[in-house]
């Protein structure tokens, strides 16, 4: 499976799998971020502001290992693993689906030691 396949979350308009240093391994849609933005996304925390392509999302919640941020009508979900992370943007109304989908895609990465 290619890295980009891990970004194929049905509810996401854009998504990314990246190394903890912020280097994108694969993307879906119009995902744009600098390496510096990517490195910050790798370490989410409650109340923090994370940027993707210059758009800032405020991290407002956590469900299991998945952090959830908002900006207007859009949501950012981030699941950091040991060697990489998955992040996705989609409609705020689909946050539950985004959280479920990112968790399922991350399960096989966890088993592989990522």
N, C-alpha and C. Protein backbone atom coordinates (compact mmCIF):
# COMPACT_ATOMS: atom_id res chain seq x y z
N UNK A 1 0.84 -1.17 0.00
CA UNK A 1 0.00 0.00 0.00
C UNK A 1 0.89 1.24 0.00
N UNK A 2 0.54 2.22 -0.82
CA UNK A 2 1.32 3.46 -0.87
C UNK A 2 0.98 4.32 0.34
N UNK A 3 1.88 5.27 0.67
CA UNK A 3 1.61 6.17 1.79
C UNK A 3 0.35 6.98 1.54
N UNK A 4 0.13 7.41 0.30
CA UNK A 4 -1.04 8.22 -0.02
C UNK A 4 -2.34 7.45 0.27
N UNK A 5 -2.32 6.13 0.18
CA UNK A 5 -3.51 5.33 0.45
C UNK A 5 -3.98 5.49 1.90
N UNK A 6 -3.05 5.78 2.81
CA UNK A 6 -3.42 6.00 4.21
C UNK A 6 -4.16 7.32 4.40
N UNK A 7 -4.17 8.15 3.39
CA UNK A 7 -4.85 9.45 3.45
C UNK A 7 -6.24 9.41 2.84
N UNK A 8 -6.63 8.28 2.31
CA UNK A 8 -7.90 8.17 1.59
C UNK A 8 -9.08 8.02 2.54
N UNK A 9 -9.24 8.99 3.44
CA UNK A 9 -10.34 8.97 4.39
C UNK A 9 -11.59 9.49 3.69
N UNK A 10 -12.66 8.70 3.63
CA UNK A 10 -13.85 9.09 2.87
C UNK A 10 -14.46 10.43 3.28
N UNK A 11 -14.42 10.78 4.57
CA UNK A 11 -15.04 12.01 5.04
C UNK A 11 -14.13 13.23 4.95
N UNK A 12 -12.89 13.02 4.58
CA UNK A 12 -11.92 14.13 4.52
C UNK A 12 -11.89 14.79 3.14
N UNK A 13 -11.79 16.10 3.14
CA UNK A 13 -11.58 16.82 1.89
C UNK A 13 -10.10 16.84 1.54
N UNK A 14 -9.24 16.79 2.57
CA UNK A 14 -7.80 16.68 2.37
C UNK A 14 -7.21 15.98 3.59
N UNK A 15 -6.07 15.33 3.38
CA UNK A 15 -5.44 14.57 4.46
C UNK A 15 -3.96 14.40 4.17
N UNK A 16 -3.23 13.97 5.22
CA UNK A 16 -1.78 13.81 5.09
C UNK A 16 -1.29 12.73 6.04
N UNK A 17 -0.27 12.00 5.61
CA UNK A 17 0.52 11.17 6.50
C UNK A 17 1.92 11.75 6.41
N UNK A 18 2.52 11.97 7.57
CA UNK A 18 3.83 12.63 7.60
C UNK A 18 4.69 12.08 8.71
N UNK A 19 5.99 12.24 8.54
CA UNK A 19 6.93 11.89 9.59
C UNK A 19 6.86 12.90 10.72
N UNK A 20 7.39 12.54 11.87
CA UNK A 20 7.33 13.43 13.02
C UNK A 20 8.12 14.72 12.82
N UNK A 21 8.99 14.75 11.81
CA UNK A 21 9.73 15.97 11.49
C UNK A 21 8.94 16.91 10.59
N UNK A 22 7.72 16.49 10.18
CA UNK A 22 6.87 17.32 9.35
C UNK A 22 6.97 17.07 7.86
N UNK A 23 7.78 16.10 7.46
CA UNK A 23 7.90 15.76 6.04
C UNK A 23 6.71 14.91 5.61
N UNK A 24 5.96 15.41 4.62
CA UNK A 24 4.79 14.67 4.13
C UNK A 24 5.23 13.43 3.37
N UNK A 25 4.60 12.30 3.68
CA UNK A 25 4.86 11.04 2.98
C UNK A 25 3.82 10.80 1.90
N UNK A 26 2.61 11.27 2.15
CA UNK A 26 1.52 11.10 1.19
C UNK A 26 0.40 12.08 1.54
N UNK A 27 -0.36 12.48 0.54
CA UNK A 27 -1.45 13.44 0.77
C UNK A 27 -2.69 13.06 -0.02
N UNK A 28 -3.81 13.63 0.40
CA UNK A 28 -5.08 13.53 -0.32
C UNK A 28 -5.57 14.95 -0.55
N UNK A 29 -6.08 15.21 -1.72
CA UNK A 29 -6.68 16.50 -2.01
C UNK A 29 -5.68 17.63 -2.03
N UNK A 30 -6.12 18.78 -1.57
CA UNK A 30 -5.33 20.00 -1.64
C UNK A 30 -4.61 20.27 -0.31
N UNK A 31 -4.00 19.25 0.26
CA UNK A 31 -3.28 19.40 1.53
C UNK A 31 -1.98 20.15 1.26
N UNK A 32 -1.83 21.29 1.91
CA UNK A 32 -0.60 22.07 1.77
C UNK A 32 -0.12 22.46 3.15
N UNK A 33 1.13 22.17 3.45
CA UNK A 33 1.72 22.60 4.71
C UNK A 33 3.22 22.73 4.53
N UNK A 34 3.79 23.62 5.30
CA UNK A 34 5.24 23.73 5.31
C UNK A 34 5.78 22.65 6.24
N UNK A 35 7.06 22.38 6.15
CA UNK A 35 7.67 21.38 7.04
C UNK A 35 7.56 21.85 8.49
N UNK A 36 7.65 23.15 8.72
CA UNK A 36 7.53 23.69 10.07
C UNK A 36 6.12 23.48 10.62
N UNK A 37 5.11 23.73 9.78
CA UNK A 37 3.73 23.46 10.19
C UNK A 37 3.56 21.98 10.50
N UNK A 38 4.12 21.14 9.65
CA UNK A 38 4.00 19.70 9.83
C UNK A 38 4.62 19.22 11.13
N UNK A 39 5.76 19.79 11.50
CA UNK A 39 6.42 19.39 12.75
C UNK A 39 5.56 19.78 13.96
N UNK A 40 4.85 20.90 13.88
CA UNK A 40 3.97 21.31 14.99
C UNK A 40 2.73 20.44 15.06
N UNK A 41 2.21 20.04 13.89
CA UNK A 41 1.04 19.17 13.86
C UNK A 41 1.36 17.83 14.52
N UNK A 42 2.60 17.40 14.45
CA UNK A 42 3.02 16.11 15.02
C UNK A 42 2.88 16.08 16.54
N UNK A 43 2.78 17.26 17.17
CA UNK A 43 2.72 17.33 18.63
C UNK A 43 1.52 18.17 19.07
N UNK A 44 0.31 17.69 18.81
CA UNK A 44 -0.87 18.48 19.18
C UNK A 44 -1.07 18.50 20.69
N UNK A 45 -1.73 19.53 21.17
CA UNK A 45 -2.11 19.60 22.58
C UNK A 45 -3.38 20.43 22.70
N UNK A 46 -4.13 20.19 23.75
CA UNK A 46 -5.38 20.90 23.96
C UNK A 46 -5.13 22.41 24.03
N UNK A 47 -5.94 23.17 23.32
CA UNK A 47 -5.84 24.61 23.33
C UNK A 47 -4.81 25.20 22.38
N UNK A 48 -4.01 24.34 21.76
CA UNK A 48 -2.98 24.86 20.86
C UNK A 48 -3.58 25.25 19.51
N UNK A 49 -2.85 26.07 18.78
CA UNK A 49 -3.24 26.48 17.44
C UNK A 49 -2.32 25.76 16.46
N UNK A 50 -2.89 25.05 15.50
CA UNK A 50 -2.11 24.35 14.48
C UNK A 50 -2.47 24.92 13.13
N UNK A 51 -1.46 25.17 12.31
CA UNK A 51 -1.69 25.71 10.97
C UNK A 51 -1.49 24.66 9.91
N UNK A 52 -2.35 24.70 8.90
CA UNK A 52 -2.22 23.88 7.71
C UNK A 52 -2.37 24.83 6.54
N UNK A 53 -1.29 25.02 5.80
CA UNK A 53 -1.32 25.94 4.67
C UNK A 53 -1.69 27.36 5.07
N UNK A 54 -1.28 27.76 6.27
CA UNK A 54 -1.56 29.10 6.75
C UNK A 54 -2.90 29.28 7.43
N UNK A 55 -3.77 28.26 7.39
CA UNK A 55 -5.07 28.32 8.06
C UNK A 55 -4.90 27.74 9.47
N UNK A 56 -5.27 28.51 10.49
CA UNK A 56 -5.08 28.09 11.88
C UNK A 56 -6.33 27.41 12.42
N UNK A 57 -6.11 26.26 13.05
CA UNK A 57 -7.16 25.49 13.70
C UNK A 57 -6.85 25.44 15.19
N UNK A 58 -7.86 25.67 16.02
CA UNK A 58 -7.68 25.58 17.46
C UNK A 58 -8.06 24.18 17.93
N UNK A 59 -7.14 23.52 18.63
CA UNK A 59 -7.41 22.17 19.15
C UNK A 59 -8.32 22.31 20.38
N UNK A 60 -9.53 21.77 20.26
CA UNK A 60 -10.54 21.97 21.30
C UNK A 60 -10.98 20.69 22.01
N UNK A 61 -10.59 19.53 21.50
CA UNK A 61 -11.07 18.29 22.10
C UNK A 61 -10.13 17.14 21.78
N UNK A 62 -10.30 16.06 22.51
CA UNK A 62 -9.53 14.85 22.27
C UNK A 62 -10.45 13.66 22.49
N UNK A 63 -10.41 12.72 21.54
CA UNK A 63 -11.20 11.50 21.63
C UNK A 63 -10.23 10.33 21.51
N UNK A 64 -9.95 9.65 22.61
CA UNK A 64 -8.92 8.61 22.59
C UNK A 64 -7.58 9.25 22.29
N UNK A 65 -6.94 8.81 21.23
CA UNK A 65 -5.64 9.36 20.83
C UNK A 65 -5.78 10.44 19.76
N UNK A 66 -7.00 10.77 19.36
CA UNK A 66 -7.23 11.70 18.25
C UNK A 66 -7.56 13.09 18.78
N UNK A 67 -6.78 14.08 18.35
CA UNK A 67 -7.05 15.47 18.68
C UNK A 67 -7.94 16.07 17.61
N UNK A 68 -8.79 17.01 18.02
CA UNK A 68 -9.78 17.60 17.14
C UNK A 68 -9.71 19.12 17.24
N UNK A 69 -9.57 19.78 16.10
CA UNK A 69 -9.53 21.24 16.06
C UNK A 69 -10.56 21.79 15.10
N UNK A 70 -10.90 23.07 15.25
CA UNK A 70 -11.90 23.69 14.39
C UNK A 70 -11.42 25.03 13.85
N UNK A 71 -11.96 25.38 12.70
CA UNK A 71 -11.81 26.69 12.08
C UNK A 71 -13.05 26.88 11.23
N UNK A 72 -13.97 27.72 11.68
CA UNK A 72 -15.21 27.92 10.94
C UNK A 72 -16.00 26.64 10.82
N UNK A 73 -16.34 26.27 9.60
CA UNK A 73 -17.14 25.07 9.35
C UNK A 73 -16.29 23.82 9.11
N UNK A 74 -14.98 23.91 9.35
CA UNK A 74 -14.09 22.79 9.07
C UNK A 74 -13.42 22.28 10.34
N UNK A 75 -13.10 21.00 10.31
CA UNK A 75 -12.44 20.34 11.42
C UNK A 75 -11.10 19.77 10.97
N UNK A 76 -10.15 19.78 11.88
CA UNK A 76 -8.85 19.14 11.70
C UNK A 76 -8.75 18.04 12.73
N UNK A 77 -8.45 16.82 12.30
CA UNK A 77 -8.21 15.72 13.23
C UNK A 77 -6.78 15.24 13.05
N UNK A 78 -6.13 14.93 14.17
CA UNK A 78 -4.72 14.53 14.16
C UNK A 78 -4.55 13.33 15.07
N UNK A 79 -3.89 12.29 14.57
CA UNK A 79 -3.53 11.14 15.38
C UNK A 79 -2.04 10.92 15.21
N UNK A 80 -1.29 11.20 16.27
CA UNK A 80 0.16 11.02 16.24
C UNK A 80 0.52 9.63 16.73
N UNK A 81 1.39 8.97 15.98
CA UNK A 81 1.89 7.65 16.34
C UNK A 81 3.34 7.82 16.82
N UNK A 82 4.14 6.78 16.76
CA UNK A 82 5.52 6.87 17.20
C UNK A 82 6.42 7.50 16.14
N UNK A 83 6.30 7.06 14.88
CA UNK A 83 7.18 7.53 13.81
C UNK A 83 6.51 8.46 12.81
N UNK A 84 5.18 8.56 12.89
CA UNK A 84 4.45 9.38 11.92
C UNK A 84 3.13 9.82 12.52
N UNK A 85 2.40 10.61 11.76
CA UNK A 85 1.06 10.99 12.17
C UNK A 85 0.16 11.06 10.96
N UNK A 86 -1.13 10.93 11.22
CA UNK A 86 -2.17 11.12 10.22
C UNK A 86 -2.95 12.37 10.60
N UNK A 87 -3.26 13.19 9.63
CA UNK A 87 -4.06 14.39 9.87
C UNK A 87 -5.03 14.54 8.71
N UNK A 88 -6.22 15.06 9.01
CA UNK A 88 -7.24 15.23 7.97
C UNK A 88 -8.09 16.45 8.26
N UNK A 89 -8.59 17.05 7.19
CA UNK A 89 -9.51 18.18 7.28
C UNK A 89 -10.80 17.78 6.57
N UNK A 90 -11.91 18.13 7.18
CA UNK A 90 -13.21 17.84 6.58
C UNK A 90 -14.28 18.71 7.21
N UNK A 91 -15.51 18.58 6.76
CA UNK A 91 -16.61 19.36 7.33
C UNK A 91 -16.76 19.10 8.83
N UNK A 92 -16.98 20.15 9.59
CA UNK A 92 -17.12 20.02 11.04
C UNK A 92 -18.23 19.04 11.42
N UNK A 93 -19.28 18.98 10.63
CA UNK A 93 -20.38 18.06 10.90
C UNK A 93 -20.02 16.60 10.76
N UNK A 94 -18.87 16.31 10.15
CA UNK A 94 -18.43 14.92 9.98
C UNK A 94 -17.26 14.57 10.90
N UNK A 95 -17.10 15.33 11.99
CA UNK A 95 -15.98 15.10 12.89
C UNK A 95 -15.95 13.69 13.45
N UNK A 96 -17.11 13.14 13.80
CA UNK A 96 -17.16 11.78 14.33
C UNK A 96 -16.67 10.76 13.32
N UNK A 97 -17.08 10.90 12.07
CA UNK A 97 -16.64 10.00 11.01
C UNK A 97 -15.14 10.16 10.77
N UNK A 98 -14.64 11.39 10.79
CA UNK A 98 -13.21 11.63 10.59
C UNK A 98 -12.39 10.95 11.69
N UNK A 99 -12.85 11.08 12.93
CA UNK A 99 -12.15 10.46 14.06
C UNK A 99 -12.13 8.94 13.92
N UNK A 100 -13.27 8.35 13.56
CA UNK A 100 -13.34 6.89 13.38
C UNK A 100 -12.43 6.44 12.24
N UNK A 101 -12.50 7.15 11.12
CA UNK A 101 -11.72 6.76 9.94
C UNK A 101 -10.22 6.86 10.19
N UNK A 102 -9.79 7.93 10.82
CA UNK A 102 -8.36 8.10 11.06
C UNK A 102 -7.85 7.03 12.02
N UNK A 103 -8.70 6.64 12.99
CA UNK A 103 -8.32 5.57 13.91
C UNK A 103 -8.16 4.23 13.22
N UNK A 104 -9.05 3.94 12.27
CA UNK A 104 -8.97 2.67 11.53
C UNK A 104 -7.72 2.63 10.66
N UNK A 105 -7.43 3.73 9.98
CA UNK A 105 -6.24 3.75 9.12
C UNK A 105 -4.96 3.65 9.96
N UNK A 106 -4.99 4.23 11.16
CA UNK A 106 -3.81 4.20 12.01
C UNK A 106 -3.56 2.83 12.64
N UNK A 107 -4.59 2.02 12.78
CA UNK A 107 -4.44 0.72 13.43
C UNK A 107 -3.37 -0.14 12.78
N UNK A 108 -3.38 -0.22 11.45
CA UNK A 108 -2.38 -1.06 10.78
C UNK A 108 -0.99 -0.43 10.88
N UNK A 109 -0.91 0.89 10.92
CA UNK A 109 0.39 1.55 11.11
C UNK A 109 0.95 1.25 12.49
N UNK A 110 0.09 1.25 13.50
CA UNK A 110 0.53 0.93 14.88
C UNK A 110 1.08 -0.49 14.93
N UNK A 111 0.38 -1.42 14.28
CA UNK A 111 0.83 -2.82 14.27
C UNK A 111 2.18 -2.95 13.58
N UNK A 112 2.44 -2.09 12.60
CA UNK A 112 3.71 -2.13 11.88
C UNK A 112 4.83 -1.37 12.58
N UNK A 113 4.56 -0.84 13.77
CA UNK A 113 5.59 -0.14 14.53
C UNK A 113 5.76 1.32 14.18
N UNK A 114 4.81 1.85 13.43
CA UNK A 114 4.90 3.27 13.07
C UNK A 114 4.28 4.14 14.14
